[in-house]
Amino acid sequence: MRRNATMNVLFAVILMVCQISPLVSILWPPRCYRKVDVGTCDAVKLRWFYEPITRQCKMFAYSGCGGNLNRFRTEKGCLRTCQMTISTRTVLQRQTNPGNCKAYARC
């Protein structure tokens, strides 16, 4: 009996992860979750990176070469790519999960 309950819980967790993973990649591009990487050269170029823990874009000194894609020329570009408003998330969630729609709402 106990093993059956454990299997049910495990199945439920796996099902939730499978449903949530595509939504996360739609809402936030993978580049936004990479650690800041200053690169390997000696230049000093001010750039912006997205910090997912604080959900903010922060400035850093980029070396001019190497690094990763979590690098933006402007704060606005960083925010536009990595930070979404609640209303945008709600629209995407409704499109991804029609079960959230009310009878009077168009999905």
N, C-alpha and C. Protein backbone atom coordinates (compact mmCIF):
# COMPACT_ATOMS: atom_id res chain seq x y z
N MET A 1 0.83 -1.20 0.00
CA MET A 1 0.00 0.00 0.00
C MET A 1 0.87 1.26 0.00
N ARG A 2 1.88 1.28 0.83
CA ARG A 2 2.74 2.45 0.94
C ARG A 2 3.53 2.68 -0.35
N ARG A 3 3.97 1.59 -0.96
CA ARG A 3 4.72 1.70 -2.21
C ARG A 3 3.85 2.30 -3.32
N ASN A 4 2.60 1.92 -3.36
CA ASN A 4 1.67 2.44 -4.36
C ASN A 4 1.49 3.96 -4.19
N ALA A 5 1.38 4.42 -2.96
CA ALA A 5 1.23 5.85 -2.68
C ALA A 5 2.49 6.61 -3.10
N THR A 6 3.64 6.03 -2.82
CA THR A 6 4.91 6.65 -3.21
C THR A 6 5.01 6.76 -4.73
N MET A 7 4.62 5.73 -5.43
CA MET A 7 4.65 5.74 -6.90
C MET A 7 3.70 6.80 -7.46
N ASN A 8 2.54 6.95 -6.83
CA ASN A 8 1.58 7.97 -7.27
C ASN A 8 2.15 9.38 -7.09
N VAL A 9 2.81 9.61 -5.97
CA VAL A 9 3.41 10.92 -5.71
C VAL A 9 4.53 11.17 -6.72
N LEU A 10 5.37 10.18 -6.95
CA LEU A 10 6.46 10.31 -7.90
C LEU A 10 5.92 10.61 -9.30
N PHE A 11 4.90 9.91 -9.69
CA PHE A 11 4.28 10.13 -11.00
C PHE A 11 3.73 11.56 -11.10
N ALA A 12 3.09 12.03 -10.03
CA ALA A 12 2.53 13.39 -10.03
C ALA A 12 3.64 14.44 -10.17
N VAL A 13 4.75 14.24 -9.47
CA VAL A 13 5.87 15.18 -9.55
C VAL A 13 6.46 15.20 -10.96
N ILE A 14 6.65 14.02 -11.54
CA ILE A 14 7.19 13.94 -12.90
C ILE A 14 6.25 14.63 -13.88
N LEU A 15 4.97 14.41 -13.72
CA LEU A 15 3.98 15.04 -14.60
C LEU A 15 4.03 16.56 -14.49
N MET A 16 4.14 17.08 -13.26
CA MET A 16 4.22 18.53 -13.06
C MET A 16 5.46 19.10 -13.72
N VAL A 17 6.61 18.46 -13.54
CA VAL A 17 7.85 18.94 -14.14
C VAL A 17 7.74 18.97 -15.65
N CYS A 18 7.15 17.95 -16.23
CA CYS A 18 7.00 17.89 -17.69
C CYS A 18 6.09 19.00 -18.20
N GLN A 19 5.11 19.40 -17.41
CA GLN A 19 4.20 20.46 -17.83
C GLN A 19 4.80 21.84 -17.61
N ILE A 20 5.61 22.00 -16.58
CA ILE A 20 6.16 23.30 -16.23
C ILE A 20 7.38 23.64 -17.08
N SER A 21 8.23 22.67 -17.40
CA SER A 21 9.47 22.94 -18.13
C SER A 21 9.27 23.70 -19.43
N PRO A 22 8.34 23.30 -20.30
CA PRO A 22 8.15 24.08 -21.54
C PRO A 22 7.69 25.50 -21.26
N LEU A 23 6.88 25.69 -20.23
CA LEU A 23 6.39 27.02 -19.90
C LEU A 23 7.53 27.92 -19.47
N VAL A 24 8.46 27.40 -18.65
CA VAL A 24 9.59 28.19 -18.20
C VAL A 24 10.45 28.63 -19.38
N SER A 25 10.70 27.74 -20.33
CA SER A 25 11.53 28.12 -21.47
C SER A 25 10.81 29.13 -22.37
N ILE A 26 9.48 29.12 -22.39
CA ILE A 26 8.74 30.11 -23.15
C ILE A 26 8.82 31.47 -22.46
N LEU A 27 8.69 31.47 -21.14
CA LEU A 27 8.65 32.73 -20.39
C LEU A 27 10.02 33.38 -20.26
N TRP A 28 11.05 32.58 -20.07
CA TRP A 28 12.39 33.11 -19.90
C TRP A 28 13.37 32.34 -20.76
N PRO A 29 14.01 33.00 -21.71
CA PRO A 29 14.99 32.31 -22.55
C PRO A 29 16.14 31.74 -21.72
N PRO A 30 16.70 30.60 -22.11
CA PRO A 30 17.80 29.97 -21.36
C PRO A 30 18.99 30.90 -21.16
N ARG A 31 19.24 31.81 -22.09
CA ARG A 31 20.40 32.70 -21.95
C ARG A 31 20.31 33.55 -20.69
N CYS A 32 19.10 33.80 -20.22
CA CYS A 32 18.90 34.65 -19.05
C CYS A 32 19.30 33.95 -17.75
N TYR A 33 19.50 32.65 -17.79
CA TYR A 33 19.85 31.90 -16.58
C TYR A 33 21.32 31.53 -16.51
N ARG A 34 22.11 31.98 -17.46
CA ARG A 34 23.54 31.70 -17.41
C ARG A 34 24.22 32.67 -16.47
N LYS A 35 25.28 32.19 -15.80
CA LYS A 35 26.04 33.06 -14.91
C LYS A 35 26.75 34.12 -15.73
N VAL A 36 26.95 35.27 -15.12
CA VAL A 36 27.66 36.34 -15.81
C VAL A 36 29.07 35.83 -16.13
N ASP A 37 29.55 36.15 -17.34
CA ASP A 37 30.88 35.72 -17.80
C ASP A 37 31.55 36.92 -18.44
N VAL A 38 32.62 37.41 -17.82
CA VAL A 38 33.28 38.63 -18.30
C VAL A 38 34.09 38.40 -19.57
N GLY A 39 34.36 37.17 -19.93
CA GLY A 39 35.13 36.88 -21.14
C GLY A 39 36.61 36.74 -20.85
N THR A 40 37.42 36.71 -21.94
CA THR A 40 38.84 36.37 -21.79
C THR A 40 39.81 37.45 -22.27
N CYS A 41 39.34 38.57 -22.75
CA CYS A 41 40.23 39.62 -23.26
C CYS A 41 40.47 40.69 -22.19
N ASP A 42 41.12 41.78 -22.59
CA ASP A 42 41.52 42.81 -21.63
C ASP A 42 40.74 44.11 -21.72
N ALA A 43 39.82 44.22 -22.66
CA ALA A 43 39.05 45.46 -22.80
C ALA A 43 38.08 45.61 -21.62
N VAL A 44 37.55 46.80 -21.48
CA VAL A 44 36.53 47.05 -20.47
C VAL A 44 35.35 47.70 -21.17
N LYS A 45 34.32 46.91 -21.39
CA LYS A 45 33.10 47.40 -22.04
C LYS A 45 31.95 47.18 -21.07
N LEU A 46 31.23 48.23 -20.77
CA LEU A 46 30.11 48.09 -19.84
C LEU A 46 28.94 47.42 -20.55
N ARG A 47 28.47 46.35 -19.96
CA ARG A 47 27.36 45.57 -20.50
C ARG A 47 26.41 45.23 -19.36
N TRP A 48 25.29 44.65 -19.72
CA TRP A 48 24.27 44.26 -18.75
C TRP A 48 24.05 42.75 -18.80
N PHE A 49 23.78 42.15 -17.65
CA PHE A 49 23.42 40.74 -17.58
C PHE A 49 22.19 40.59 -16.70
N TYR A 50 21.45 39.51 -16.91
CA TYR A 50 20.25 39.27 -16.12
C TYR A 50 20.59 38.38 -14.94
N GLU A 51 20.17 38.80 -13.75
CA GLU A 51 20.37 38.04 -12.51
C GLU A 51 19.03 37.41 -12.14
N PRO A 52 18.84 36.10 -12.39
CA PRO A 52 17.53 35.48 -12.18
C PRO A 52 17.10 35.42 -10.72
N ILE A 53 18.04 35.41 -9.79
CA ILE A 53 17.66 35.33 -8.37
C ILE A 53 16.95 36.61 -7.94
N THR A 54 17.48 37.75 -8.35
CA THR A 54 16.87 39.04 -7.99
C THR A 54 15.90 39.53 -9.06
N ARG A 55 15.89 38.86 -10.20
CA ARG A 55 15.06 39.23 -11.36
C ARG A 55 15.33 40.68 -11.80
N GLN A 56 16.62 41.02 -11.84
CA GLN A 56 17.03 42.36 -12.25
C GLN A 56 18.18 42.26 -13.25
N CYS A 57 18.34 43.29 -14.05
CA CYS A 57 19.49 43.41 -14.93
C CYS A 57 20.54 44.23 -14.21
N LYS A 58 21.79 43.76 -14.25
CA LYS A 58 22.88 44.44 -13.56
C LYS A 58 24.02 44.69 -14.53
N MET A 59 24.76 45.76 -14.26
CA MET A 59 25.88 46.12 -15.12
C MET A 59 27.12 45.33 -14.73
N PHE A 60 27.97 45.04 -15.73
CA PHE A 60 29.26 44.41 -15.46
C PHE A 60 30.26 44.86 -16.52
N ALA A 61 31.55 44.63 -16.25
CA ALA A 61 32.61 45.00 -17.18
C ALA A 61 32.95 43.79 -18.04
N TYR A 62 32.58 43.86 -19.31
CA TYR A 62 32.85 42.78 -20.27
C TYR A 62 34.23 43.00 -20.89
N SER A 63 34.98 41.92 -21.07
CA SER A 63 36.36 42.02 -21.56
C SER A 63 36.46 42.24 -23.07
N GLY A 64 35.36 42.05 -23.79
CA GLY A 64 35.39 42.29 -25.24
C GLY A 64 35.37 41.05 -26.09
N CYS A 65 35.64 39.88 -25.53
CA CYS A 65 35.54 38.63 -26.30
C CYS A 65 35.24 37.47 -25.36
N GLY A 66 34.70 36.40 -25.93
CA GLY A 66 34.32 35.26 -25.12
C GLY A 66 33.05 35.56 -24.35
N GLY A 67 32.89 34.92 -23.24
CA GLY A 67 31.69 35.11 -22.44
C GLY A 67 30.55 34.24 -22.94
N ASN A 68 29.34 34.59 -22.56
CA ASN A 68 28.16 33.84 -23.00
C ASN A 68 27.08 34.81 -23.47
N LEU A 69 25.91 34.28 -23.75
CA LEU A 69 24.84 35.10 -24.31
C LEU A 69 24.08 35.94 -23.28
N ASN A 70 24.36 35.75 -22.00
CA ASN A 70 23.72 36.59 -20.98
C ASN A 70 24.49 37.90 -20.89
N ARG A 71 24.46 38.64 -21.98
CA ARG A 71 25.20 39.89 -22.11
C ARG A 71 24.42 40.79 -23.06
N PHE A 72 24.13 42.00 -22.61
CA PHE A 72 23.32 42.93 -23.39
C PHE A 72 23.99 44.30 -23.42
N ARG A 73 23.83 45.00 -24.52
CA ARG A 73 24.42 46.34 -24.65
C ARG A 73 23.70 47.36 -23.77
N THR A 74 22.40 47.17 -23.58
CA THR A 74 21.63 48.13 -22.80
C THR A 74 20.80 47.41 -21.73
N GLU A 75 20.47 48.15 -20.69
CA GLU A 75 19.59 47.61 -19.66
C GLU A 75 18.22 47.31 -20.26
N LYS A 76 17.77 48.19 -21.15
CA LYS A 76 16.47 48.01 -21.78
C LYS A 76 16.41 46.70 -22.57
N GLY A 77 17.47 46.40 -23.31
CA GLY A 77 17.53 45.14 -24.06
C GLY A 77 17.51 43.93 -23.15
N CYS A 78 18.21 44.03 -22.04
CA CYS A 78 18.23 42.96 -21.05
C CYS A 78 16.84 42.74 -20.47
N LEU A 79 16.21 43.81 -20.07
CA LEU A 79 14.87 43.71 -19.49
C LEU A 79 13.86 43.18 -20.50
N ARG A 80 13.95 43.66 -21.72
CA ARG A 80 13.01 43.24 -22.76
C ARG A 80 13.14 41.73 -23.02
N THR A 81 14.35 41.21 -22.97
CA THR A 81 14.58 39.80 -23.25
C THR A 81 14.27 38.90 -22.06
N CYS A 82 14.66 39.34 -20.87
CA CYS A 82 14.63 38.43 -19.72
C CYS A 82 13.56 38.70 -18.67
N GLN A 83 13.00 39.87 -18.65
CA GLN A 83 12.04 40.18 -17.61
C GLN A 83 10.69 40.46 -18.24
N MET A 84 9.71 39.67 -17.85
CA MET A 84 8.38 39.84 -18.43
C MET A 84 7.43 40.37 -17.38
N THR A 85 6.44 41.09 -17.82
CA THR A 85 5.44 41.62 -16.89
C THR A 85 4.46 40.52 -16.51
N ILE A 86 3.76 40.72 -15.43
CA ILE A 86 2.76 39.74 -14.97
C ILE A 86 1.69 39.55 -16.02
N SER A 87 1.27 40.62 -16.69
CA SER A 87 0.21 40.48 -17.68
C SER A 87 0.68 39.63 -18.86
N THR A 88 1.93 39.78 -19.28
CA THR A 88 2.46 38.96 -20.36
C THR A 88 2.51 37.50 -19.96
N ARG A 89 2.95 37.24 -18.72
CA ARG A 89 3.00 35.86 -18.23
C ARG A 89 1.61 35.25 -18.22
N THR A 90 0.62 36.03 -17.77
CA THR A 90 -0.75 35.53 -17.69
C THR A 90 -1.26 35.14 -19.07
N VAL A 91 -1.01 35.99 -20.07
CA VAL A 91 -1.45 35.68 -21.43
C VAL A 91 -0.79 34.41 -21.92
N LEU A 92 0.52 34.28 -21.71
CA LEU A 92 1.22 33.08 -22.16
C LEU A 92 0.73 31.84 -21.43
N GLN A 93 0.46 31.96 -20.15
CA GLN A 93 -0.03 30.81 -19.40
C GLN A 93 -1.40 30.38 -19.92
N ARG A 94 -2.24 31.33 -20.25
CA ARG A 94 -3.57 30.97 -20.77
C ARG A 94 -3.45 30.30 -22.13
N GLN A 95 -2.52 30.77 -22.95
CA GLN A 95 -2.34 30.15 -24.26
C GLN A 95 -1.75 28.75 -24.11
N THR A 96 -0.89 28.56 -23.11
CA THR A 96 -0.24 27.28 -22.90
C THR A 96 -1.17 26.29 -22.21
N ASN A 97 -2.04 26.79 -21.33
CA ASN A 97 -2.92 25.92 -20.56
C ASN A 97 -4.35 26.41 -20.68
N PRO A 98 -5.10 25.94 -21.68
CA PRO A 98 -6.48 26.38 -21.87
C PRO A 98 -7.38 26.07 -20.67
N GLY A 99 -6.95 25.19 -19.79
CA GLY A 99 -7.74 24.87 -18.61
C GLY A 99 -7.90 26.05 -17.67
N ASN A 100 -7.05 27.06 -17.80
CA ASN A 100 -7.13 28.25 -16.94
C ASN A 100 -8.21 29.21 -17.39
N CYS A 101 -8.79 28.99 -18.56
CA CYS A 101 -9.74 29.94 -19.12
C CYS A 101 -11.13 29.79 -18.49
N LYS A 102 -11.78 30.90 -18.32
CA LYS A 102 -13.16 30.91 -17.84
C LYS A 102 -14.08 30.82 -19.05
N ALA A 103 -15.32 30.45 -18.82
CA ALA A 103 -16.27 30.28 -19.92
C ALA A 103 -16.49 31.59 -20.68
N TYR A 104 -16.38 32.73 -19.99
CA TYR A 104 -16.63 34.01 -20.61
C TYR A 104 -15.37 34.62 -21.24
N ALA A 105 -14.22 34.01 -21.04
CA ALA A 105 -12.97 34.56 -21.59
C ALA A 105 -12.61 33.86 -22.89
N ARG A 106 -12.08 34.63 -23.83
CA ARG A 106 -11.60 34.04 -25.08
C ARG A 106 -10.16 33.61 -24.91
N CYS A 107 -9.86 32.40 -25.29
CA CYS A 107 -8.49 31.89 -25.16
C CYS A 107 -7.91 31.60 -26.52
